[in-house]
Amino acid sequence: MALKEVIALIDAEIATLKQARALLAASSAVTVAKRKPGRPRKVQRDSPKVTTRKKKRNLSAEGRARIAEAARKRWAAQKKAAK
């Protein structure tokens, strides 16, 4: 290789490096907000979770009476078996 070719290649490399440096300097010009001391805030999600409450289930008087009667029968059977 001739000396002039080597110098041309080095100049081309320097030009590409200067371009890359300019791009990096431009992108670093955008400053990132510094963090403040303390606990970071919660991140807001795009779609908040929809919370649905379970429907409260009420027991009718008739149902309560049937359960009470069944319990009485169970207790009577246990007492009878214990004797």
N, C-alpha and C. Protein backbone atom coordinates (compact mmCIF):
# COMPACT_ATOMS: atom_id res chain seq x y z
N MET A 1 0.84 -1.18 0.00
CA MET A 1 0.00 0.00 0.00
C MET A 1 0.89 1.25 0.00
N ALA A 2 0.40 2.19 -0.68
CA ALA A 2 1.14 3.43 -0.74
C ALA A 2 0.81 4.25 0.50
N LEU A 3 1.71 5.13 0.82
CA LEU A 3 1.57 5.96 2.00
C LEU A 3 0.31 6.83 1.90
N LYS A 4 0.00 7.31 0.72
CA LYS A 4 -1.17 8.16 0.53
C LYS A 4 -2.47 7.38 0.78
N GLU A 5 -2.49 6.10 0.40
CA GLU A 5 -3.68 5.27 0.63
C GLU A 5 -3.90 5.05 2.13
N VAL A 6 -2.82 4.80 2.86
CA VAL A 6 -2.92 4.58 4.31
C VAL A 6 -3.44 5.85 4.99
N ILE A 7 -2.90 7.00 4.57
CA ILE A 7 -3.34 8.27 5.15
C ILE A 7 -4.82 8.52 4.83
N ALA A 8 -5.26 8.17 3.62
CA ALA A 8 -6.66 8.35 3.23
C ALA A 8 -7.56 7.45 4.07
N LEU A 9 -7.13 6.21 4.31
CA LEU A 9 -7.91 5.30 5.15
C LEU A 9 -8.00 5.81 6.59
N ILE A 10 -6.89 6.32 7.11
CA ILE A 10 -6.89 6.85 8.47
C ILE A 10 -7.81 8.06 8.56
N ASP A 11 -7.77 8.93 7.55
CA ASP A 11 -8.65 10.10 7.54
C ASP A 11 -10.12 9.69 7.49
N ALA A 12 -10.43 8.66 6.70
CA ALA A 12 -11.80 8.18 6.62
C ALA A 12 -12.26 7.62 7.97
N GLU A 13 -11.36 6.89 8.62
CA GLU A 13 -11.67 6.33 9.94
C GLU A 13 -11.89 7.45 10.94
N ILE A 14 -11.07 8.47 10.92
CA ILE A 14 -11.21 9.61 11.82
C ILE A 14 -12.55 10.30 11.57
N ALA A 15 -12.93 10.44 10.31
CA ALA A 15 -14.21 11.09 9.98
C ALA A 15 -15.38 10.29 10.54
N THR A 16 -15.35 8.96 10.41
CA THR A 16 -16.44 8.14 10.95
C THR A 16 -16.47 8.20 12.47
N LEU A 17 -15.29 8.23 13.11
CA LEU A 17 -15.24 8.32 14.56
C LEU A 17 -15.78 9.67 15.05
N LYS A 18 -15.47 10.75 14.31
CA LYS A 18 -15.99 12.07 14.68
C LYS A 18 -17.51 12.09 14.55
N GLN A 19 -18.02 11.43 13.52
CA GLN A 19 -19.47 11.35 13.33
C GLN A 19 -20.12 10.60 14.49
N ALA A 20 -19.52 9.48 14.85
CA ALA A 20 -20.06 8.69 15.95
C ALA A 20 -20.02 9.48 17.26
N ARG A 21 -18.91 10.22 17.46
CA ARG A 21 -18.79 11.04 18.67
C ARG A 21 -19.85 12.12 18.71
N ALA A 22 -20.13 12.74 17.57
CA ALA A 22 -21.15 13.78 17.51
C ALA A 22 -22.53 13.21 17.83
N LEU A 23 -22.82 12.01 17.32
CA LEU A 23 -24.10 11.37 17.61
C LEU A 23 -24.23 11.05 19.10
N LEU A 24 -23.15 10.53 19.67
CA LEU A 24 -23.19 10.20 21.10
C LEU A 24 -23.32 11.45 21.95
N ALA A 25 -22.64 12.51 21.58
CA ALA A 25 -22.72 13.75 22.34
C ALA A 25 -24.12 14.33 22.25
N ALA A 26 -24.77 14.21 21.09
CA ALA A 26 -26.13 14.72 20.93
C ALA A 26 -27.12 13.93 21.77
N SER A 27 -26.93 12.61 21.81
CA SER A 27 -27.87 11.79 22.58
C SER A 27 -27.66 11.95 24.07
N SER A 28 -26.43 12.27 24.49
CA SER A 28 -26.19 12.48 25.92
C SER A 28 -26.63 13.86 26.35
N ALA A 29 -26.93 14.73 25.38
CA ALA A 29 -27.40 16.07 25.72
C ALA A 29 -28.79 15.99 26.34
N VAL A 30 -29.54 14.94 25.99
CA VAL A 30 -30.85 14.73 26.61
C VAL A 30 -30.58 14.25 28.03
N THR A 31 -30.90 15.09 28.99
CA THR A 31 -30.59 14.74 30.37
C THR A 31 -31.70 13.90 30.97
N VAL A 32 -31.29 12.96 31.74
CA VAL A 32 -32.23 12.11 32.46
C VAL A 32 -32.49 12.77 33.80
N ALA A 33 -33.74 12.82 34.20
CA ALA A 33 -34.09 13.44 35.47
C ALA A 33 -33.41 12.68 36.61
N LYS A 34 -32.77 13.43 37.49
CA LYS A 34 -32.10 12.78 38.60
C LYS A 34 -33.13 12.32 39.61
N ARG A 35 -32.83 11.21 40.22
CA ARG A 35 -33.74 10.66 41.21
C ARG A 35 -33.63 11.43 42.50
N LYS A 36 -34.77 11.63 43.11
CA LYS A 36 -34.81 12.31 44.40
C LYS A 36 -34.62 11.26 45.49
N PRO A 37 -34.17 11.67 46.65
CA PRO A 37 -34.00 10.70 47.73
C PRO A 37 -35.36 10.19 48.22
N GLY A 38 -35.37 8.97 48.68
CA GLY A 38 -36.59 8.40 49.23
C GLY A 38 -37.13 7.29 48.36
N ARG A 39 -38.25 6.79 48.77
CA ARG A 39 -38.87 5.67 48.07
C ARG A 39 -39.48 6.14 46.76
N PRO A 40 -39.26 5.39 45.66
CA PRO A 40 -39.85 5.81 44.38
C PRO A 40 -41.36 5.66 44.38
N ARG A 41 -42.01 6.50 43.58
CA ARG A 41 -43.47 6.45 43.50
C ARG A 41 -43.91 5.20 42.78
N LYS A 42 -45.16 4.81 43.04
CA LYS A 42 -45.73 3.66 42.34
C LYS A 42 -45.92 4.02 40.89
N VAL A 43 -45.71 3.05 40.02
CA VAL A 43 -45.88 3.29 38.59
C VAL A 43 -47.35 3.10 38.24
N GLN A 44 -47.93 4.08 37.56
CA GLN A 44 -49.33 3.97 37.14
C GLN A 44 -49.40 3.06 35.93
N ARG A 45 -50.25 2.09 35.97
CA ARG A 45 -50.42 1.19 34.84
C ARG A 45 -51.39 1.81 33.84
N ASP A 46 -51.27 1.38 32.59
CA ASP A 46 -52.13 1.92 31.55
C ASP A 46 -53.59 1.60 31.82
N SER A 47 -53.88 0.37 32.16
CA SER A 47 -55.27 -0.01 32.43
C SER A 47 -55.36 -0.47 33.89
N PRO A 48 -56.00 0.30 34.75
CA PRO A 48 -56.09 -0.08 36.15
C PRO A 48 -56.93 -1.35 36.32
N LYS A 49 -56.58 -2.10 37.33
CA LYS A 49 -57.29 -3.34 37.60
C LYS A 49 -58.72 -3.03 38.04
N VAL A 50 -59.65 -3.73 37.47
CA VAL A 50 -61.05 -3.54 37.85
C VAL A 50 -61.35 -4.54 38.96
N THR A 51 -61.69 -4.03 40.13
CA THR A 51 -61.99 -4.92 41.24
C THR A 51 -63.49 -5.03 41.39
N THR A 52 -63.96 -6.25 41.41
CA THR A 52 -65.39 -6.48 41.59
C THR A 52 -65.57 -7.20 42.91
N ARG A 53 -66.50 -6.73 43.67
CA ARG A 53 -66.79 -7.38 44.94
C ARG A 53 -67.65 -8.60 44.69
N LYS A 54 -67.41 -9.61 45.51
CA LYS A 54 -68.27 -10.77 45.42
C LYS A 54 -69.64 -10.41 45.96
N LYS A 55 -70.64 -10.93 45.32
CA LYS A 55 -72.00 -10.65 45.76
C LYS A 55 -72.23 -11.32 47.11
N LYS A 56 -72.76 -10.55 48.06
CA LYS A 56 -73.01 -11.08 49.38
C LYS A 56 -74.17 -12.06 49.31
N ARG A 57 -73.95 -13.22 49.88
CA ARG A 57 -74.99 -14.25 49.82
C ARG A 57 -75.73 -14.28 51.14
N ASN A 58 -77.03 -14.13 51.08
CA ASN A 58 -77.86 -14.14 52.28
C ASN A 58 -78.60 -15.47 52.37
N LEU A 59 -78.70 -15.93 53.59
CA LEU A 59 -79.38 -17.20 53.84
C LEU A 59 -80.82 -16.90 54.24
N SER A 60 -81.73 -17.61 53.63
CA SER A 60 -83.14 -17.37 53.95
C SER A 60 -83.46 -17.98 55.32
N ALA A 61 -84.56 -17.56 55.87
CA ALA A 61 -84.98 -18.09 57.19
C ALA A 61 -85.25 -19.58 57.08
N GLU A 62 -85.83 -19.99 55.96
CA GLU A 62 -86.12 -21.42 55.76
C GLU A 62 -84.82 -22.22 55.70
N GLY A 63 -83.83 -21.71 55.01
CA GLY A 63 -82.54 -22.40 54.91
C GLY A 63 -81.86 -22.50 56.26
N ARG A 64 -81.91 -21.40 57.02
CA ARG A 64 -81.34 -21.40 58.36
C ARG A 64 -82.01 -22.44 59.24
N ALA A 65 -83.35 -22.55 59.15
CA ALA A 65 -84.10 -23.51 59.96
C ALA A 65 -83.70 -24.94 59.59
N ARG A 66 -83.53 -25.19 58.28
CA ARG A 66 -83.14 -26.55 57.87
C ARG A 66 -81.75 -26.92 58.39
N ILE A 67 -80.84 -25.96 58.35
CA ILE A 67 -79.48 -26.22 58.85
C ILE A 67 -79.52 -26.47 60.35
N ALA A 68 -80.31 -25.68 61.08
CA ALA A 68 -80.40 -25.85 62.53
C ALA A 68 -80.99 -27.22 62.87
N GLU A 69 -82.02 -27.62 62.14
CA GLU A 69 -82.65 -28.94 62.38
C GLU A 69 -81.66 -30.07 62.11
N ALA A 70 -80.91 -29.95 61.02
CA ALA A 70 -79.91 -30.99 60.70
C ALA A 70 -78.84 -31.05 61.79
N ALA A 71 -78.44 -29.91 62.32
CA ALA A 71 -77.43 -29.89 63.38
C ALA A 71 -77.97 -30.55 64.64
N ARG A 72 -79.23 -30.26 64.96
CA ARG A 72 -79.84 -30.90 66.14
C ARG A 72 -79.87 -32.41 65.99
N LYS A 73 -80.21 -32.90 64.79
CA LYS A 73 -80.25 -34.35 64.55
C LYS A 73 -78.85 -34.95 64.71
N ARG A 74 -77.82 -34.24 64.19
CA ARG A 74 -76.44 -34.73 64.31
C ARG A 74 -76.03 -34.81 65.77
N TRP A 75 -76.35 -33.76 66.55
CA TRP A 75 -75.98 -33.75 67.96
C TRP A 75 -76.71 -34.86 68.71
N ALA A 76 -77.98 -35.07 68.37
CA ALA A 76 -78.74 -36.13 69.03
C ALA A 76 -78.13 -37.50 68.73
N ALA A 77 -77.71 -37.68 67.48
CA ALA A 77 -77.10 -38.95 67.11
C ALA A 77 -75.77 -39.15 67.85
N GLN A 78 -75.00 -38.08 67.98
CA GLN A 78 -73.72 -38.20 68.70
C GLN A 78 -73.94 -38.51 70.18
N LYS A 79 -74.95 -37.85 70.79
CA LYS A 79 -75.25 -38.10 72.20
C LYS A 79 -75.72 -39.54 72.40
N LYS A 80 -76.55 -40.01 71.46
CA LYS A 80 -77.05 -41.38 71.54
C LYS A 80 -75.93 -42.39 71.42
N ALA A 81 -74.97 -42.10 70.52
CA ALA A 81 -73.84 -43.01 70.33
C ALA A 81 -72.91 -42.98 71.53
N ALA A 82 -72.83 -41.87 72.22
CA ALA A 82 -71.94 -41.73 73.38
C ALA A 82 -72.47 -42.53 74.56
N LYS A 83 -73.78 -42.73 74.67
CA LYS A 83 -74.36 -43.45 75.80
C LYS A 83 -74.16 -44.90 75.73
